[in-house]
């Protein structure tokens, strides 16, 4: 795989994984399932209504419990327009097939972030995403402006810069490998929530990962220590404080698997 695609794959995997974590009661399909297969497995529609061009298309996230979908794209205007067009295509196909006067819509209000620390002492990396139009989720990778001992310190500093081409070339493959392993091991878990941290340790050519979910408001008085491995440790960090409420006349605007 070309080195510049590694972080795109990692972003898709993490964002889709986090959608499932944030919606544990939903029945969610990812882009390994076509609209035809989703329709036939769930029984919510009639796949014979699909057009020939509909049969193999696969939205990145299809939540059949609440009838919404998302397409995941990198930042930028071109990716935004591509995402909107793909969402329109997916919605047209799903709504052709669906029965009982129901209909799918583009999802809203899905945003989040994940911090990654390399146990070897590199900069803290951050993946953040938000819904930029109904059904379109755009993401961005950055790193801390300076080196920090913990995700918590980097998070509090709030100073992030774009990754260089050399950093992506050197570490993108490791991040993608570690994310794939983490998601494969944990994607069926539905009991953690909140912001996540990861530590990636490069041992003998293999990227190992530890994940620690910040279970905000749910941790009891008993001490719960984050796991450690290979000299690295992930420290739970707080979720970003919610923005101040907008003025009453300005309602809040709507804002989470390829291999």
C-alpha atoms as a PDB file:
ATOM      1  CA  UNK A   1       0.000   0.000   0.000  1.00  0.00           C
ATOM      2  CA  UNK A   2       1.368   3.490  -0.816  1.00  0.00           C
ATOM      3  CA  UNK A   3       2.671   5.105   2.362  1.00  0.00           C
ATOM      4  CA  UNK A   4       0.376   8.126   2.025  1.00  0.00           C
ATOM      5  CA  UNK A   5      -2.732   5.916   2.274  1.00  0.00           C
ATOM      6  CA  UNK A   6      -1.865   4.389   5.644  1.00  0.00           C
ATOM      7  CA  UNK A   7      -3.200   7.245   7.744  1.00  0.00           C
ATOM      8  CA  UNK A   8      -6.382   7.422   5.684  1.00  0.00           C
ATOM      9  CA  UNK A   9      -7.071   3.773   6.405  1.00  0.00           C
ATOM     10  CA  UNK A  10      -6.245   4.242  10.087  1.00  0.00           C
ATOM     11  CA  UNK A  11      -8.611   7.228  10.291  1.00  0.00           C
ATOM     12  CA  UNK A  12     -11.458   5.270   8.702  1.00  0.00           C
ATOM     13  CA  UNK A  13     -10.965   2.365  11.088  1.00  0.00           C
ATOM     14  CA  UNK A  14     -10.775   4.516  14.212  1.00  0.00           C
ATOM     15  CA  UNK A  15     -13.697   6.775  13.318  1.00  0.00           C
ATOM     16  CA  UNK A  16     -15.949   3.860  12.434  1.00  0.00           C
ATOM     17  CA  UNK A  17     -14.845   2.053  15.597  1.00  0.00           C
ATOM     18  CA  UNK A  18     -15.683   5.088  17.715  1.00  0.00           C
ATOM     19  CA  UNK A  19     -19.115   5.381  16.121  1.00  0.00           C
ATOM     20  CA  UNK A  20     -19.861   1.844  17.263  1.00  0.00           C
ATOM     21  CA  UNK A  21     -18.566   2.619  20.755  1.00  0.00           C
ATOM     22  CA  UNK A  22     -20.723   5.747  20.965  1.00  0.00           C
ATOM     23  CA  UNK A  23     -23.837   3.919  19.717  1.00  0.00           C
ATOM     24  CA  UNK A  24     -23.704   0.529  21.445  1.00  0.00           C
ATOM     25  CA  UNK A  25     -27.393  -0.215  20.950  1.00  0.00           C
ATOM     26  CA  UNK A  26     -27.363   0.463  17.203  1.00  0.00           C
ATOM     27  CA  UNK A  27     -27.015  -2.107  14.460  1.00  0.00           C
ATOM     28  CA  UNK A  28     -24.221  -0.641  12.382  1.00  0.00           C
ATOM     29  CA  UNK A  29     -22.644  -1.743   9.112  1.00  0.00           C
ATOM     30  CA  UNK A  30     -19.314  -0.536   7.773  1.00  0.00           C
ATOM     31  CA  UNK A  31     -17.882  -0.387   4.279  1.00  0.00           C
ATOM     32  CA  UNK A  32     -17.179  -4.080   4.063  1.00  0.00           C
ATOM     33  CA  UNK A  33     -20.929  -4.553   3.451  1.00  0.00           C
ATOM     34  CA  UNK A  34     -22.722  -3.411   0.317  1.00  0.00           C
ATOM     35  CA  UNK A  35     -26.113  -1.731   0.370  1.00  0.00           C
ATOM     36  CA  UNK A  36     -27.542  -4.846  -1.289  1.00  0.00           C
ATOM     37  CA  UNK A  37     -26.157  -7.089   1.470  1.00  0.00           C
ATOM     38  CA  UNK A  38     -27.349  -4.710   4.195  1.00  0.00           C
ATOM     39  CA  UNK A  39     -30.844  -4.629   2.707  1.00  0.00           C
ATOM     40  CA  UNK A  40     -31.056  -8.407   2.501  1.00  0.00           C
ATOM     41  CA  UNK A  41     -29.603  -9.060   5.970  1.00  0.00           C
ATOM     42  CA  UNK A  42     -31.799  -6.580   7.800  1.00  0.00           C
ATOM     43  CA  UNK A  43     -35.023  -7.047   5.864  1.00  0.00           C
ATOM     44  CA  UNK A  44     -35.833  -3.326   6.079  1.00  0.00           C
ATOM     45  CA  UNK A  45     -36.149  -3.110   2.316  1.00  0.00           C
ATOM     46  CA  UNK A  46     -36.402  -4.944  -0.972  1.00  0.00           C
ATOM     47  CA  UNK A  47     -33.071  -5.349  -2.755  1.00  0.00           C
ATOM     48  CA  UNK A  48     -34.854  -6.014  -6.062  1.00  0.00           C
ATOM     49  CA  UNK A  49     -35.658  -2.289  -6.147  1.00  0.00           C
ATOM     50  CA  UNK A  50     -31.972  -1.401  -6.378  1.00  0.00           C
ATOM     51  CA  UNK A  51     -30.526  -0.259  -9.691  1.00  0.00           C
ATOM     52  CA  UNK A  52     -27.526  -2.095 -11.191  1.00  0.00           C
ATOM     53  CA  UNK A  53     -25.208   0.687 -10.036  1.00  0.00           C
ATOM     54  CA  UNK A  54     -26.479   0.366  -6.453  1.00  0.00           C
ATOM     55  CA  UNK A  55     -25.572  -3.263  -5.896  1.00  0.00           C
ATOM     56  CA  UNK A  56     -21.936  -2.970  -4.826  1.00  0.00           C
ATOM     57  CA  UNK A  57     -21.719   0.464  -3.222  1.00  0.00           C
ATOM     58  CA  UNK A  58     -20.738   0.514   0.458  1.00  0.00           C
ATOM     59  CA  UNK A  59     -21.211   3.527   2.773  1.00  0.00           C
ATOM     60  CA  UNK A  60     -18.535   3.913   5.434  1.00  0.00           C
ATOM     61  CA  UNK A  61     -21.094   3.848   8.281  1.00  0.00           C
ATOM     62  CA  UNK A  62     -24.718   2.725   7.915  1.00  0.00           C
ATOM     63  CA  UNK A  63     -26.767   2.760  11.131  1.00  0.00           C
ATOM     64  CA  UNK A  64     -29.931   0.806  10.363  1.00  0.00           C
ATOM     65  CA  UNK A  65     -31.333   1.354  13.857  1.00  0.00           C
ATOM     66  CA  UNK A  66     -31.766   5.104  13.410  1.00  0.00           C
ATOM     67  CA  UNK A  67     -31.608   5.148   9.580  1.00  0.00           C
ATOM     68  CA  UNK A  68     -28.576   7.387   9.114  1.00  0.00           C
ATOM     69  CA  UNK A  69     -25.325   7.026   7.219  1.00  0.00           C
ATOM     70  CA  UNK A  70     -21.922   8.691   7.125  1.00  0.00           C
ATOM     71  CA  UNK A  71     -19.142   8.895   4.576  1.00  0.00           C
ATOM     72  CA  UNK A  72     -15.641   9.534   5.970  1.00  0.00           C
ATOM     73  CA  UNK A  73     -13.328  11.902   4.101  1.00  0.00           C
ATOM     74  CA  UNK A  74     -10.116  13.837   4.785  1.00  0.00           C
ATOM     75  CA  UNK A  75     -10.303  17.579   5.215  1.00  0.00           C
ATOM     76  CA  UNK A  76     -10.475  19.958   2.271  1.00  0.00           C
ATOM     77  CA  UNK A  77     -13.061  21.310  -0.141  1.00  0.00           C
ATOM     78  CA  UNK A  78     -12.569  18.673  -2.833  1.00  0.00           C
ATOM     79  CA  UNK A  79     -13.015  15.809  -0.361  1.00  0.00           C
ATOM     80  CA  UNK A  80     -16.048  17.613   1.067  1.00  0.00           C
ATOM     81  CA  UNK A  81     -17.725  17.806  -2.352  1.00  0.00           C
ATOM     82  CA  UNK A  82     -16.860  14.166  -3.085  1.00  0.00           C
ATOM     83  CA  UNK A  83     -18.344  13.157   0.245  1.00  0.00           C
ATOM     84  CA  UNK A  84     -21.582  15.053  -0.360  1.00  0.00           C
ATOM     85  CA  UNK A  85     -21.995  13.451  -3.779  1.00  0.00           C
ATOM     86  CA  UNK A  86     -21.363   9.960  -2.391  1.00  0.00           C
ATOM     87  CA  UNK A  87     -23.851  10.543   0.429  1.00  0.00           C
ATOM     88  CA  UNK A  88     -26.478  11.576  -2.127  1.00  0.00           C
ATOM     89  CA  UNK A  89     -25.800   8.394  -4.112  1.00  0.00           C
ATOM     90  CA  UNK A  90     -26.035   6.155  -1.036  1.00  0.00           C
ATOM     91  CA  UNK A  91     -29.209   7.801   0.234  1.00  0.00           C
ATOM     92  CA  UNK A  92     -30.898   7.483  -3.142  1.00  0.00           C
ATOM     93  CA  UNK A  93     -30.079   3.770  -3.248  1.00  0.00           C
ATOM     94  CA  UNK A  94     -31.151   3.016   0.323  1.00  0.00           C
ATOM     95  CA  UNK A  95     -34.365   4.982  -0.003  1.00  0.00           C
ATOM     96  CA  UNK A  96     -35.207   3.181  -3.238  1.00  0.00           C
ATOM     97  CA  UNK A  97     -35.044  -0.114  -1.378  1.00  0.00           C
ATOM     98  CA  UNK A  98     -36.563   0.776   1.996  1.00  0.00           C
ATOM     99  CA  UNK A  99     -40.167  -0.148   2.804  1.00  0.00           C
ATOM    100  CA  UNK A 100     -42.937   1.145   5.089  1.00  0.00           C
ATOM    101  CA  UNK A 101     -42.532   4.821   4.157  1.00  0.00           C
ATOM    102  CA  UNK A 102     -39.287   5.112   6.100  1.00  0.00           C
ATOM    103  CA  UNK A 103     -36.189   6.844   4.774  1.00  0.00           C
ATOM    104  CA  UNK A 104     -32.497   7.220   5.501  1.00  0.00           C
ATOM    105  CA  UNK A 105     -30.864  10.601   6.055  1.00  0.00           C
ATOM    106  CA  UNK A 106     -27.323  11.884   6.346  1.00  0.00           C
ATOM    107  CA  UNK A 107     -26.143  11.664   9.941  1.00  0.00           C
ATOM    108  CA  UNK A 108     -25.350  14.707  12.081  1.00  0.00           C
ATOM    109  CA  UNK A 109     -23.522  15.618  15.276  1.00  0.00           C
ATOM    110  CA  UNK A 110     -20.777  12.994  15.105  1.00  0.00           C
ATOM    111  CA  UNK A 111     -17.417  14.357  16.167  1.00  0.00           C
ATOM    112  CA  UNK A 112     -14.524  13.290  18.341  1.00  0.00           C
ATOM    113  CA  UNK A 113     -10.795  12.893  18.732  1.00  0.00           C
ATOM    114  CA  UNK A 114      -8.209  10.274  19.606  1.00  0.00           C
ATOM    115  CA  UNK A 115      -4.686  10.957  20.873  1.00  0.00           C
ATOM    116  CA  UNK A 116      -1.766   8.645  20.113  1.00  0.00           C
ATOM    117  CA  UNK A 117       1.572   8.523  21.914  1.00  0.00           C
ATOM    118  CA  UNK A 118       4.570   6.549  20.752  1.00  0.00           C
ATOM    119  CA  UNK A 119       6.261   4.839  23.682  1.00  0.00           C
ATOM    120  CA  UNK A 120       9.637   5.804  22.226  1.00  0.00           C
ATOM    121  CA  UNK A 121       8.990   9.438  23.096  1.00  0.00           C
ATOM    122  CA  UNK A 122       7.800  10.942  19.819  1.00  0.00           C
ATOM    123  CA  UNK A 123       5.307  13.760  19.551  1.00  0.00           C
ATOM    124  CA  UNK A 124       1.689  13.155  20.541  1.00  0.00           C
ATOM    125  CA  UNK A 125      -0.476  12.636  17.454  1.00  0.00           C
ATOM    126  CA  UNK A 126      -4.132  13.585  17.259  1.00  0.00           C
ATOM    127  CA  UNK A 127      -6.922  12.407  14.984  1.00  0.00           C
ATOM    128  CA  UNK A 128     -10.004  14.604  15.127  1.00  0.00           C
ATOM    129  CA  UNK A 129     -13.172  14.482  13.082  1.00  0.00           C
ATOM    130  CA  UNK A 130     -16.496  16.283  12.770  1.00  0.00           C
ATOM    131  CA  UNK A 131     -19.605  16.263  10.613  1.00  0.00           C
ATOM    132  CA  UNK A 132     -19.244  19.064   8.061  1.00  0.00           C
ATOM    133  CA  UNK A 133     -22.512  18.383   6.183  1.00  0.00           C
ATOM    134  CA  UNK A 134     -25.295  15.855   6.746  1.00  0.00           C
ATOM    135  CA  UNK A 135     -23.647  12.478   6.300  1.00  0.00           C
ATOM    136  CA  UNK A 136     -20.130  13.817   5.629  1.00  0.00           C
ATOM    137  CA  UNK A 137     -17.475  13.315   8.314  1.00  0.00           C
ATOM    138  CA  UNK A 138     -14.090  14.937   7.702  1.00  0.00           C
ATOM    139  CA  UNK A 139     -10.948  14.198   9.654  1.00  0.00           C
ATOM    140  CA  UNK A 140      -7.525  15.687  10.218  1.00  0.00           C
ATOM    141  CA  UNK A 141      -4.266  14.334  11.643  1.00  0.00           C
ATOM    142  CA  UNK A 142      -1.986  16.682  13.593  1.00  0.00           C
ATOM    143  CA  UNK A 143       0.761  16.394  16.187  1.00  0.00           C
ATOM    144  CA  UNK A 144       1.701  18.316  19.309  1.00  0.00           C
ATOM    145  CA  UNK A 145       3.851  21.383  18.754  1.00  0.00           C
ATOM    146  CA  UNK A 146       6.369  20.063  21.258  1.00  0.00           C
ATOM    147  CA  UNK A 147       7.136  16.753  22.935  1.00  0.00           C
ATOM    148  CA  UNK A 148       5.106  15.862  26.024  1.00  0.00           C
ATOM    149  CA  UNK A 149       5.365  13.110  28.591  1.00  0.00           C
ATOM    150  CA  UNK A 150       1.666  12.363  28.450  1.00  0.00           C
ATOM    151  CA  UNK A 151      -1.412  12.763  26.304  1.00  0.00           C
ATOM    152  CA  UNK A 152      -2.975  14.756  29.102  1.00  0.00           C
ATOM    153  CA  UNK A 153      -0.277  17.434  28.957  1.00  0.00           C
ATOM    154  CA  UNK A 154      -0.461  17.658  25.166  1.00  0.00           C
ATOM    155  CA  UNK A 155      -4.225  17.863  25.280  1.00  0.00           C
ATOM    156  CA  UNK A 156      -4.203  20.678  27.800  1.00  0.00           C
ATOM    157  CA  UNK A 157      -1.672  22.676  25.767  1.00  0.00           C
ATOM    158  CA  UNK A 158      -4.026  22.796  22.790  1.00  0.00           C
ATOM    159  CA  UNK A 159      -1.138  23.467  20.376  1.00  0.00           C
ATOM    160  CA  UNK A 160      -1.157  21.248  17.289  1.00  0.00           C
ATOM    161  CA  UNK A 161       0.622  21.404  13.931  1.00  0.00           C
ATOM    162  CA  UNK A 162       0.261  19.502  10.674  1.00  0.00           C
ATOM    163  CA  UNK A 163       2.266  16.322  10.206  1.00  0.00           C
ATOM    164  CA  UNK A 164       5.213  16.572   7.846  1.00  0.00           C
ATOM    165  CA  UNK A 165       5.549  14.303   4.824  1.00  0.00           C
ATOM    166  CA  UNK A 166       8.547  12.660   6.475  1.00  0.00           C
ATOM    167  CA  UNK A 167       6.607  11.941   9.676  1.00  0.00           C
ATOM    168  CA  UNK A 168       3.771  10.387   7.710  1.00  0.00           C
ATOM    169  CA  UNK A 169       6.240   8.337   5.684  1.00  0.00           C
ATOM    170  CA  UNK A 170       8.124   7.171   8.779  1.00  0.00           C
ATOM    171  CA  UNK A 171       5.260   6.455  11.182  1.00  0.00           C
ATOM    172  CA  UNK A 172       2.048   6.225   9.146  1.00  0.00           C
ATOM    173  CA  UNK A 173       2.455   2.513   8.487  1.00  0.00           C
ATOM    174  CA  UNK A 174       3.042   1.785  12.171  1.00  0.00           C
ATOM    175  CA  UNK A 175      -0.054   3.731  13.152  1.00  0.00           C
ATOM    176  CA  UNK A 176      -2.169   1.899  10.572  1.00  0.00           C
ATOM    177  CA  UNK A 177      -0.854  -1.494  11.719  1.00  0.00           C
ATOM    178  CA  UNK A 178      -1.460  -0.754  15.384  1.00  0.00           C
ATOM    179  CA  UNK A 179      -4.939   0.643  14.766  1.00  0.00           C
ATOM    180  CA  UNK A 180      -5.902  -2.404  12.727  1.00  0.00           C
ATOM    181  CA  UNK A 181      -4.794  -4.717  15.525  1.00  0.00           C
ATOM    182  CA  UNK A 182      -6.550  -2.647  18.176  1.00  0.00           C
ATOM    183  CA  UNK A 183      -9.831  -2.487  16.293  1.00  0.00           C
ATOM    184  CA  UNK A 184      -9.726  -6.189  15.443  1.00  0.00           C
ATOM    185  CA  UNK A 185      -9.314  -7.061  19.118  1.00  0.00           C
ATOM    186  CA  UNK A 186     -11.759  -4.555  20.566  1.00  0.00           C
ATOM    187  CA  UNK A 187     -14.400  -3.689  18.005  1.00  0.00           C
ATOM    188  CA  UNK A 188     -17.030  -5.878  19.714  1.00  0.00           C
ATOM    189  CA  UNK A 189     -16.652  -4.070  23.032  1.00  0.00           C
ATOM    190  CA  UNK A 190     -19.530  -1.761  23.836  1.00  0.00           C
ATOM    191  CA  UNK A 191     -18.873  -0.909  27.464  1.00  0.00           C
ATOM    192  CA  UNK A 192     -16.384   1.957  27.155  1.00  0.00           C
ATOM    193  CA  UNK A 193     -17.132   5.519  26.190  1.00  0.00           C
ATOM    194  CA  UNK A 194     -15.568   8.924  26.136  1.00  0.00           C
ATOM    195  CA  UNK A 195     -12.331  10.044  24.552  1.00  0.00           C
ATOM    196  CA  UNK A 196      -9.677   7.446  23.873  1.00  0.00           C
ATOM    197  CA  UNK A 197      -5.920   7.402  24.146  1.00  0.00           C
ATOM    198  CA  UNK A 198      -3.496   4.999  22.518  1.00  0.00           C
ATOM    199  CA  UNK A 199       0.157   4.209  23.023  1.00  0.00           C
ATOM    200  CA  UNK A 200       2.067   2.593  20.188  1.00  0.00           C
ATOM    201  CA  UNK A 201       5.274   0.740  20.959  1.00  0.00           C
ATOM    202  CA  UNK A 202       7.512  -0.467  18.137  1.00  0.00           C
ATOM    203  CA  UNK A 203       8.998  -3.802  19.215  1.00  0.00           C
ATOM    204  CA  UNK A 204      10.935  -5.971  16.805  1.00  0.00           C
ATOM    205  CA  UNK A 205       9.255  -4.544  13.738  1.00  0.00           C
ATOM    206  CA  UNK A 206       5.750  -4.947  15.174  1.00  0.00           C
ATOM    207  CA  UNK A 207       3.571  -2.084  16.353  1.00  0.00           C
ATOM    208  CA  UNK A 208       1.740  -3.035  19.538  1.00  0.00           C
ATOM    209  CA  UNK A 209      -1.052  -0.911  20.921  1.00  0.00           C
ATOM    210  CA  UNK A 210      -2.643  -0.238  24.277  1.00  0.00           C
ATOM    211  CA  UNK A 211      -5.942   1.583  24.453  1.00  0.00           C
ATOM    212  CA  UNK A 212      -7.422   3.213  27.517  1.00  0.00           C
ATOM    213  CA  UNK A 213     -10.896   4.683  27.416  1.00  0.00           C
ATOM    214  CA  UNK A 214     -11.582   7.665  29.632  1.00  0.00           C
ATOM    215  CA  UNK A 215     -14.822   6.492  31.211  1.00  0.00           C
ATOM    216  CA  UNK A 216     -15.856   9.904  32.391  1.00  0.00           C
ATOM    217  CA  UNK A 217     -18.377  10.051  35.193  1.00  0.00           C
ATOM    218  CA  UNK A 218     -18.434   6.274  35.488  1.00  0.00           C
ATOM    219  CA  UNK A 219     -15.214   5.533  37.337  1.00  0.00           C
ATOM    220  CA  UNK A 220     -15.911   4.696  40.961  1.00  0.00           C
ATOM    221  CA  UNK A 221     -13.799   5.561  43.959  1.00  0.00           C
ATOM    222  CA  UNK A 222     -11.672   2.458  43.509  1.00  0.00           C
ATOM    223  CA  UNK A 223      -8.349   3.161  41.835  1.00  0.00           C
ATOM    224  CA  UNK A 224      -8.306   2.104  38.196  1.00  0.00           C
ATOM    225  CA  UNK A 225      -4.843   2.327  36.702  1.00  0.00           C
ATOM    226  CA  UNK A 226      -4.291   2.440  32.961  1.00  0.00           C
ATOM    227  CA  UNK A 227      -2.395  -0.527  31.544  1.00  0.00           C
ATOM    228  CA  UNK A 228       1.245  -0.285  30.589  1.00  0.00           C
ATOM    229  CA  UNK A 229       3.400  -2.145  28.109  1.00  0.00           C
ATOM    230  CA  UNK A 230       6.855  -1.734  26.689  1.00  0.00           C
ATOM    231  CA  UNK A 231       7.587   1.217  28.942  1.00  0.00           C
ATOM    232  CA  UNK A 232       4.681   3.244  27.612  1.00  0.00           C
ATOM    233  CA  UNK A 233       1.493   4.201  29.364  1.00  0.00           C
ATOM    234  CA  UNK A 234      -1.717   5.843  28.283  1.00  0.00           C
ATOM    235  CA  UNK A 235      -3.075   8.360  30.763  1.00  0.00           C
ATOM    236  CA  UNK A 236      -6.815   9.021  30.596  1.00  0.00           C
ATOM    237  CA  UNK A 237      -7.458  12.603  29.621  1.00  0.00           C
ATOM    238  CA  UNK A 238     -10.646  14.627  29.919  1.00  0.00           C
ATOM    239  CA  UNK A 239     -13.100  15.070  27.114  1.00  0.00           C
ATOM    240  CA  UNK A 240     -12.973  18.506  25.553  1.00  0.00           C
ATOM    241  CA  UNK A 241     -15.281  20.861  27.475  1.00  0.00           C
ATOM    242  CA  UNK A 242     -18.474  21.581  25.516  1.00  0.00           C
ATOM    243  CA  UNK A 243     -18.517  24.967  23.774  1.00  0.00           C
ATOM    244  CA  UNK A 244     -20.464  27.788  25.305  1.00  0.00           C
ATOM    245  CA  UNK A 245     -24.120  27.728  24.401  1.00  0.00           C
ATOM    246  CA  UNK A 246     -24.747  29.755  21.226  1.00  0.00           C
ATOM    247  CA  UNK A 247     -27.103  32.732  21.337  1.00  0.00           C
ATOM    248  CA  UNK A 248     -30.763  31.761  21.336  1.00  0.00           C
ATOM    249  CA  UNK A 249     -31.262  33.071  17.812  1.00  0.00           C
ATOM    250  CA  UNK A 250     -28.482  30.820  16.473  1.00  0.00           C
ATOM    251  CA  UNK A 251     -29.328  27.143  16.924  1.00  0.00           C
ATOM    252  CA  UNK A 252     -26.341  24.828  17.126  1.00  0.00           C
ATOM    253  CA  UNK A 253     -25.411  23.486  13.715  1.00  0.00           C
ATOM    254  CA  UNK A 254     -25.240  19.752  13.115  1.00  0.00           C
ATOM    255  CA  UNK A 255     -21.843  18.445  13.155  1.00  0.00           C
ATOM    256  CA  UNK A 256     -16.100   8.345  13.849  1.00  0.00           C
ATOM    257  CA  UNK A 257     -13.227   0.643   7.704  1.00  0.00           C
ATOM    258  CA  UNK A 258     -11.412   0.123   4.821  1.00  0.00           C
ATOM    259  CA  UNK A 259      -8.445  -2.158   4.799  1.00  0.00           C
END
